[in-house]
Amino acid sequence: MTSRHDPTFLVSRRSFPTTVHDDLLADLARRAIAGDRKALDAFLGELRPLVTRTVRLVVGSGSWAAEDAAQEALLDLTRGIGELRNPDVARAWALKVATTRALKIASHERLVALRRATLADVEVASEPADERSAAVKEAFDRLPPALRATAVLRLHVGLSEQETAASLSCSVGTVKSNLHDARRKLTATLVERGFAPTVARAEDIA
């Protein structure tokens, strides 16, 4: 039985390997909203690594659906830039838009997988380097979309509970509950695969 204090899958401290400066994003967003196409391109360029990795992880990294979802998320940002009312929260807004797209695709993919009752049709772009990494990736891929999104935003991207709630349009209480359930399911899958619960590395789910 896993202890409530089990250190497995600890929240990262902004572990995502990217440099996104909120002041720069705010400036680019203001100019993009005003119709500056070059600013919009630069805005998307700053956010692309963060948005792409987040969407891939929510949908299920390595699948064609994840790649398509990442591109769709960037298009959503392009089309929706005029709806951004407060450029100072551009990063949080972008993650909310991207996560919304990712959840739609993830839910659809889950239904397809359930109908097929097999994972044989998933196209894998790259295999994890070791058995534990493979087990962690499998554990994340098994999570229901809502739990997976919460786990990705909290454990991998490193958002706070409040930021995660805003991105998922839910309450902080729901974030806490989802993260608890996600950790429990992740740990159960690792134990099932024969790995003792330990702190997961962020790169294991990439």
C-alpha atoms as a PDB file:
ATOM      1  CA  MET A   1       0.000   0.000   0.000  1.00  0.00           C
ATOM      2  CA  THR A   2       1.317   3.440  -0.903  1.00  0.00           C
ATOM      3  CA  SER A   3       1.746   5.919   1.920  1.00  0.00           C
ATOM      4  CA  ARG A   4       0.033   9.277   1.698  1.00  0.00           C
ATOM      5  CA  HIS A   5       3.543  10.711   1.990  1.00  0.00           C
ATOM      6  CA  ASP A   6       4.913   8.545  -0.806  1.00  0.00           C
ATOM      7  CA  PRO A   7       7.550  10.663  -2.633  1.00  0.00           C
ATOM      8  CA  THR A   8       6.683   9.112  -5.966  1.00  0.00           C
ATOM      9  CA  PHE A   9       6.034  11.694  -8.673  1.00  0.00           C
ATOM     10  CA  LEU A  10       6.850  14.839  -6.752  1.00  0.00           C
ATOM     11  CA  VAL A  11       5.819  18.200  -8.165  1.00  0.00           C
ATOM     12  CA  SER A  12       8.683  19.703 -10.112  1.00  0.00           C
ATOM     13  CA  ARG A  13       9.985  23.195  -9.582  1.00  0.00           C
ATOM     14  CA  ARG A  14       9.532  24.464 -13.127  1.00  0.00           C
ATOM     15  CA  SER A  15      11.407  21.416 -14.387  1.00  0.00           C
ATOM     16  CA  PHE A  16      10.301  21.971 -17.950  1.00  0.00           C
ATOM     17  CA  PRO A  17      13.435  22.682 -20.008  1.00  0.00           C
ATOM     18  CA  THR A  18      12.420  25.945 -21.625  1.00  0.00           C
ATOM     19  CA  THR A  19      12.946  29.668 -21.177  1.00  0.00           C
ATOM     20  CA  VAL A  20       9.695  31.597 -21.361  1.00  0.00           C
ATOM     21  CA  HIS A  21       9.966  35.182 -20.095  1.00  0.00           C
ATOM     22  CA  ASP A  22       6.582  36.559 -19.081  1.00  0.00           C
ATOM     23  CA  ASP A  23       7.578  40.186 -19.683  1.00  0.00           C
ATOM     24  CA  LEU A  24       8.711  39.393 -23.216  1.00  0.00           C
ATOM     25  CA  LEU A  25       5.573  37.363 -23.865  1.00  0.00           C
ATOM     26  CA  ALA A  26       3.385  40.208 -22.616  1.00  0.00           C
ATOM     27  CA  ASP A  27       5.086  42.682 -24.927  1.00  0.00           C
ATOM     28  CA  LEU A  28       4.848  40.358 -27.929  1.00  0.00           C
ATOM     29  CA  ALA A  29       1.218  39.585 -27.119  1.00  0.00           C
ATOM     30  CA  ARG A  30       0.274  43.277 -27.022  1.00  0.00           C
ATOM     31  CA  ARG A  31       1.870  43.866 -30.381  1.00  0.00           C
ATOM     32  CA  ALA A  32       0.345  40.693 -31.864  1.00  0.00           C
ATOM     33  CA  ILE A  33      -3.136  41.686 -30.654  1.00  0.00           C
ATOM     34  CA  ALA A  34      -2.613  45.033 -32.393  1.00  0.00           C
ATOM     35  CA  GLY A  35      -1.994  43.192 -35.662  1.00  0.00           C
ATOM     36  CA  ASP A  36       1.803  42.910 -35.754  1.00  0.00           C
ATOM     37  CA  ARG A  37       2.396  39.654 -37.635  1.00  0.00           C
ATOM     38  CA  LYS A  38       6.110  39.517 -36.807  1.00  0.00           C
ATOM     39  CA  ALA A  39       5.294  39.869 -33.122  1.00  0.00           C
ATOM     40  CA  LEU A  40       2.785  37.034 -33.406  1.00  0.00           C
ATOM     41  CA  ASP A  41       5.396  34.803 -35.043  1.00  0.00           C
ATOM     42  CA  ALA A  42       7.872  35.644 -32.284  1.00  0.00           C
ATOM     43  CA  PHE A  43       5.185  35.049 -29.628  1.00  0.00           C
ATOM     44  CA  LEU A  44       4.471  31.583 -31.017  1.00  0.00           C
ATOM     45  CA  GLY A  45       8.187  30.880 -31.325  1.00  0.00           C
ATOM     46  CA  GLU A  46       8.715  31.594 -27.632  1.00  0.00           C
ATOM     47  CA  LEU A  47       5.816  29.368 -26.613  1.00  0.00           C
ATOM     48  CA  ARG A  48       6.241  26.543 -29.117  1.00  0.00           C
ATOM     49  CA  PRO A  49       8.549  24.283 -27.011  1.00  0.00           C
ATOM     50  CA  LEU A  50       6.352  24.564 -23.905  1.00  0.00           C
ATOM     51  CA  VAL A  51       3.054  24.173 -25.755  1.00  0.00           C
ATOM     52  CA  THR A  52       4.270  21.318 -27.953  1.00  0.00           C
ATOM     53  CA  ARG A  53       5.714  19.253 -25.100  1.00  0.00           C
ATOM     54  CA  THR A  54       2.688  19.843 -22.867  1.00  0.00           C
ATOM     55  CA  VAL A  55       0.218  18.792 -25.562  1.00  0.00           C
ATOM     56  CA  ARG A  56       2.271  15.741 -26.501  1.00  0.00           C
ATOM     57  CA  LEU A  57       2.320  14.541 -22.910  1.00  0.00           C
ATOM     58  CA  VAL A  58      -1.399  15.102 -22.342  1.00  0.00           C
ATOM     59  CA  VAL A  59      -2.358  13.279 -25.543  1.00  0.00           C
ATOM     60  CA  GLY A  60       0.332  10.595 -25.241  1.00  0.00           C
ATOM     61  CA  SER A  61       3.831  11.320 -26.456  1.00  0.00           C
ATOM     62  CA  GLY A  62       5.016   9.404 -29.489  1.00  0.00           C
ATOM     63  CA  SER A  63       1.649   9.146 -31.239  1.00  0.00           C
ATOM     64  CA  TRP A  64       0.652  10.818 -34.490  1.00  0.00           C
ATOM     65  CA  ALA A  65      -2.406  12.184 -32.701  1.00  0.00           C
ATOM     66  CA  ALA A  66      -0.114  14.000 -30.254  1.00  0.00           C
ATOM     67  CA  GLU A  67       1.851  15.584 -33.092  1.00  0.00           C
ATOM     68  CA  ASP A  68      -1.346  16.702 -34.823  1.00  0.00           C
ATOM     69  CA  ALA A  69      -2.735  18.046 -31.539  1.00  0.00           C
ATOM     70  CA  ALA A  70       0.421  20.091 -30.942  1.00  0.00           C
ATOM     71  CA  GLN A  71       0.071  21.722 -34.355  1.00  0.00           C
ATOM     72  CA  GLU A  72      -3.644  22.325 -33.770  1.00  0.00           C
ATOM     73  CA  ALA A  73      -2.862  23.956 -30.428  1.00  0.00           C
ATOM     74  CA  LEU A  74      -0.463  26.385 -32.088  1.00  0.00           C
ATOM     75  CA  LEU A  75      -3.139  27.188 -34.668  1.00  0.00           C
ATOM     76  CA  ASP A  76      -5.614  27.769 -31.839  1.00  0.00           C
ATOM     77  CA  LEU A  77      -3.207  30.290 -30.351  1.00  0.00           C
ATOM     78  CA  THR A  78      -2.839  32.019 -33.715  1.00  0.00           C
ATOM     79  CA  ARG A  79      -6.588  32.240 -34.250  1.00  0.00           C
ATOM     80  CA  GLY A  80      -7.368  33.188 -30.678  1.00  0.00           C
ATOM     81  CA  ILE A  81      -4.745  35.844 -29.947  1.00  0.00           C
ATOM     82  CA  GLY A  82      -7.412  38.541 -30.269  1.00  0.00           C
ATOM     83  CA  GLU A  83      -9.321  36.946 -27.381  1.00  0.00           C
ATOM     84  CA  LEU A  84      -6.422  37.470 -24.963  1.00  0.00           C
ATOM     85  CA  ARG A  85      -7.656  40.323 -22.771  1.00  0.00           C
ATOM     86  CA  ASN A  86      -4.668  40.522 -20.422  1.00  0.00           C
ATOM     87  CA  PRO A  87      -1.276  40.172 -22.140  1.00  0.00           C
ATOM     88  CA  ASP A  88       0.416  39.933 -18.728  1.00  0.00           C
ATOM     89  CA  VAL A  89      -0.953  36.378 -18.348  1.00  0.00           C
ATOM     90  CA  ALA A  90      -0.108  35.293 -21.892  1.00  0.00           C
ATOM     91  CA  ARG A  91       1.751  32.180 -20.752  1.00  0.00           C
ATOM     92  CA  ALA A  92      -1.140  30.953 -18.609  1.00  0.00           C
ATOM     93  CA  TRP A  93      -3.603  31.747 -21.402  1.00  0.00           C
ATOM     94  CA  ALA A  94      -1.524  29.803 -23.931  1.00  0.00           C
ATOM     95  CA  LEU A  95      -1.354  26.767 -21.654  1.00  0.00           C
ATOM     96  CA  LYS A  96      -5.115  26.877 -21.126  1.00  0.00           C
ATOM     97  CA  VAL A  97      -5.775  27.015 -24.880  1.00  0.00           C
ATOM     98  CA  ALA A  98      -3.253  24.244 -25.552  1.00  0.00           C
ATOM     99  CA  THR A  99      -4.544  22.007 -22.764  1.00  0.00           C
ATOM    100  CA  THR A 100      -8.129  22.442 -23.954  1.00  0.00           C
ATOM    101  CA  ARG A 101      -7.110  21.220 -27.412  1.00  0.00           C
ATOM    102  CA  ALA A 102      -5.036  18.379 -25.944  1.00  0.00           C
ATOM    103  CA  LEU A 103      -7.903  17.156 -23.767  1.00  0.00           C
ATOM    104  CA  LYS A 104     -10.272  17.045 -26.744  1.00  0.00           C
ATOM    105  CA  ILE A 105      -7.839  14.938 -28.733  1.00  0.00           C
ATOM    106  CA  ALA A 106      -6.905  12.791 -25.728  1.00  0.00           C
ATOM    107  CA  SER A 107     -10.556  12.023 -24.984  1.00  0.00           C
ATOM    108  CA  HIS A 108     -11.148  11.024 -28.596  1.00  0.00           C
ATOM    109  CA  GLU A 109      -8.052   8.836 -28.651  1.00  0.00           C
ATOM    110  CA  ARG A 110      -9.120   7.138 -25.428  1.00  0.00           C
ATOM    111  CA  LEU A 111     -12.491   6.265 -26.943  1.00  0.00           C
ATOM    112  CA  VAL A 112     -10.801   4.897 -30.048  1.00  0.00           C
ATOM    113  CA  ALA A 113      -8.413   2.829 -27.931  1.00  0.00           C
ATOM    114  CA  LEU A 114     -11.263   1.432 -25.858  1.00  0.00           C
ATOM    115  CA  ARG A 115     -13.146   0.410 -28.989  1.00  0.00           C
ATOM    116  CA  ARG A 116     -10.097  -1.311 -30.376  1.00  0.00           C
ATOM    117  CA  ALA A 117      -9.239  -2.749 -26.953  1.00  0.00           C
ATOM    118  CA  THR A 118      -5.588  -2.717 -27.926  1.00  0.00           C
ATOM    119  CA  LEU A 119      -2.638  -0.370 -28.040  1.00  0.00           C
ATOM    120  CA  ALA A 120      -1.154  -2.096 -31.046  1.00  0.00           C
ATOM    121  CA  ASP A 121      -2.162   0.684 -33.423  1.00  0.00           C
ATOM    122  CA  VAL A 122      -0.354   3.441 -31.546  1.00  0.00           C
ATOM    123  CA  GLU A 123       2.547   4.733 -33.640  1.00  0.00           C
ATOM    124  CA  VAL A 124       5.576   5.152 -31.407  1.00  0.00           C
ATOM    125  CA  ALA A 125       8.179   7.624 -32.586  1.00  0.00           C
ATOM    126  CA  SER A 126      10.812   6.623 -30.064  1.00  0.00           C
ATOM    127  CA  GLU A 127      11.157   4.069 -27.307  1.00  0.00           C
ATOM    128  CA  PRO A 128      12.260   5.067 -23.787  1.00  0.00           C
ATOM    129  CA  ALA A 129      15.912   4.328 -23.099  1.00  0.00           C
ATOM    130  CA  ASP A 130      15.357   1.892 -20.226  1.00  0.00           C
ATOM    131  CA  GLU A 131      12.693  -0.310 -18.674  1.00  0.00           C
ATOM    132  CA  ARG A 132      11.816   2.098 -15.893  1.00  0.00           C
ATOM    133  CA  SER A 133      11.355   4.964 -18.361  1.00  0.00           C
ATOM    134  CA  ALA A 134       9.116   2.693 -20.413  1.00  0.00           C
ATOM    135  CA  ALA A 135       7.093   1.851 -17.308  1.00  0.00           C
ATOM    136  CA  VAL A 136       6.665   5.519 -16.366  1.00  0.00           C
ATOM    137  CA  LYS A 137       5.588   6.386 -19.905  1.00  0.00           C
ATOM    138  CA  GLU A 138       3.096   3.513 -19.884  1.00  0.00           C
ATOM    139  CA  ALA A 139       1.761   4.694 -16.530  1.00  0.00           C
ATOM    140  CA  PHE A 140       1.144   8.189 -17.882  1.00  0.00           C
ATOM    141  CA  ASP A 141      -0.415   6.866 -21.070  1.00  0.00           C
ATOM    142  CA  ARG A 142      -2.847   4.769 -19.006  1.00  0.00           C
ATOM    143  CA  LEU A 143      -4.197   7.759 -17.098  1.00  0.00           C
ATOM    144  CA  PRO A 144      -7.616   9.157 -18.068  1.00  0.00           C
ATOM    145  CA  PRO A 145      -7.172  12.468 -19.963  1.00  0.00           C
ATOM    146  CA  ALA A 146      -8.216  14.735 -17.074  1.00  0.00           C
ATOM    147  CA  LEU A 147      -5.813  13.040 -14.653  1.00  0.00           C
ATOM    148  CA  ARG A 148      -3.038  13.000 -17.237  1.00  0.00           C
ATOM    149  CA  ALA A 149      -3.472  16.725 -17.930  1.00  0.00           C
ATOM    150  CA  THR A 150      -3.345  17.502 -14.219  1.00  0.00           C
ATOM    151  CA  ALA A 151      -0.253  15.347 -13.748  1.00  0.00           C
ATOM    152  CA  VAL A 152       1.528  16.911 -16.711  1.00  0.00           C
ATOM    153  CA  LEU A 153       0.796  20.494 -15.659  1.00  0.00           C
ATOM    154  CA  ARG A 154       1.679  19.903 -12.003  1.00  0.00           C
ATOM    155  CA  LEU A 155       4.454  17.308 -12.165  1.00  0.00           C
ATOM    156  CA  HIS A 156       6.152  18.127 -15.447  1.00  0.00           C
ATOM    157  CA  VAL A 157       5.429  21.756 -16.333  1.00  0.00           C
ATOM    158  CA  GLY A 158       5.509  22.711 -12.648  1.00  0.00           C
ATOM    159  CA  LEU A 159       2.412  24.916 -12.492  1.00  0.00           C
ATOM    160  CA  SER A 160       0.965  25.784  -9.101  1.00  0.00           C
ATOM    161  CA  GLU A 161      -2.393  24.365  -8.040  1.00  0.00           C
ATOM    162  CA  GLN A 162      -4.022  27.705  -8.847  1.00  0.00           C
ATOM    163  CA  GLU A 163      -2.380  27.911 -12.288  1.00  0.00           C
ATOM    164  CA  THR A 164      -3.348  24.330 -13.064  1.00  0.00           C
ATOM    165  CA  ALA A 165      -6.948  24.975 -12.021  1.00  0.00           C
ATOM    166  CA  ALA A 166      -7.071  28.017 -14.308  1.00  0.00           C
ATOM    167  CA  SER A 167      -5.605  26.043 -17.224  1.00  0.00           C
ATOM    168  CA  LEU A 168      -8.131  23.233 -16.768  1.00  0.00           C
ATOM    169  CA  SER A 169     -11.096  25.483 -15.899  1.00  0.00           C
ATOM    170  CA  CYS A 170     -11.707  23.641 -12.650  1.00  0.00           C
ATOM    171  CA  SER A 171     -11.383  24.233  -8.918  1.00  0.00           C
ATOM    172  CA  VAL A 172      -8.206  23.883  -6.879  1.00  0.00           C
ATOM    173  CA  GLY A 173      -9.963  21.090  -5.010  1.00  0.00           C
ATOM    174  CA  THR A 174     -10.422  19.197  -8.278  1.00  0.00           C
ATOM    175  CA  VAL A 175      -6.738  19.655  -9.076  1.00  0.00           C
ATOM    176  CA  LYS A 176      -5.774  18.217  -5.688  1.00  0.00           C
ATOM    177  CA  SER A 177      -8.145  15.280  -6.115  1.00  0.00           C
ATOM    178  CA  ASN A 178      -6.989  14.588  -9.678  1.00  0.00           C
ATOM    179  CA  LEU A 179      -3.335  14.741  -8.686  1.00  0.00           C
ATOM    180  CA  HIS A 180      -3.940  12.351  -5.795  1.00  0.00           C
ATOM    181  CA  ASP A 181      -5.701   9.889  -8.101  1.00  0.00           C
ATOM    182  CA  ALA A 182      -3.037  10.297 -10.774  1.00  0.00           C
ATOM    183  CA  ARG A 183      -0.231   9.568  -8.320  1.00  0.00           C
ATOM    184  CA  ARG A 184      -2.078   6.528  -7.016  1.00  0.00           C
ATOM    185  CA  LYS A 185      -2.619   5.143 -10.512  1.00  0.00           C
ATOM    186  CA  LEU A 186       0.926   5.940 -11.618  1.00  0.00           C
ATOM    187  CA  THR A 187       2.365   4.173  -8.600  1.00  0.00           C
ATOM    188  CA  ALA A 188       0.064   1.178  -9.096  1.00  0.00           C
ATOM    189  CA  THR A 189       1.238   0.770 -12.686  1.00  0.00           C
ATOM    190  CA  LEU A 190       4.890   0.947 -11.656  1.00  0.00           C
ATOM    191  CA  VAL A 191       4.363  -1.636  -8.928  1.00  0.00           C
ATOM    192  CA  GLU A 192       2.497  -3.828 -11.431  1.00  0.00           C
ATOM    193  CA  ARG A 193       5.537  -3.612 -13.704  1.00  0.00           C
ATOM    194  CA  GLY A 194       7.823  -4.580 -10.809  1.00  0.00           C
ATOM    195  CA  PHE A 195       9.325  -1.185  -9.983  1.00  0.00           C
ATOM    196  CA  ALA A 196       9.387   0.130  -6.428  1.00  0.00           C
ATOM    197  CA  PRO A 197       7.867   3.620  -6.072  1.00  0.00           C
ATOM    198  CA  THR A 198      10.574   6.286  -6.228  1.00  0.00           C
ATOM    199  CA  VAL A 199      10.746   9.871  -7.372  1.00  0.00           C
ATOM    200  CA  ALA A 200      10.065   9.990 -11.105  1.00  0.00           C
ATOM    201  CA  ARG A 201      12.303  11.973 -13.417  1.00  0.00           C
ATOM    202  CA  ALA A 202      10.569  14.499 -15.646  1.00  0.00           C
ATOM    203  CA  GLU A 203      12.326  13.143 -18.721  1.00  0.00           C
ATOM    204  CA  ASP A 204      10.836   9.691 -18.131  1.00  0.00           C
ATOM    205  CA  ILE A 205       7.439  10.824 -19.429  1.00  0.00           C
ATOM    206  CA  ALA A 206       8.746  12.884 -22.322  1.00  0.00           C
END
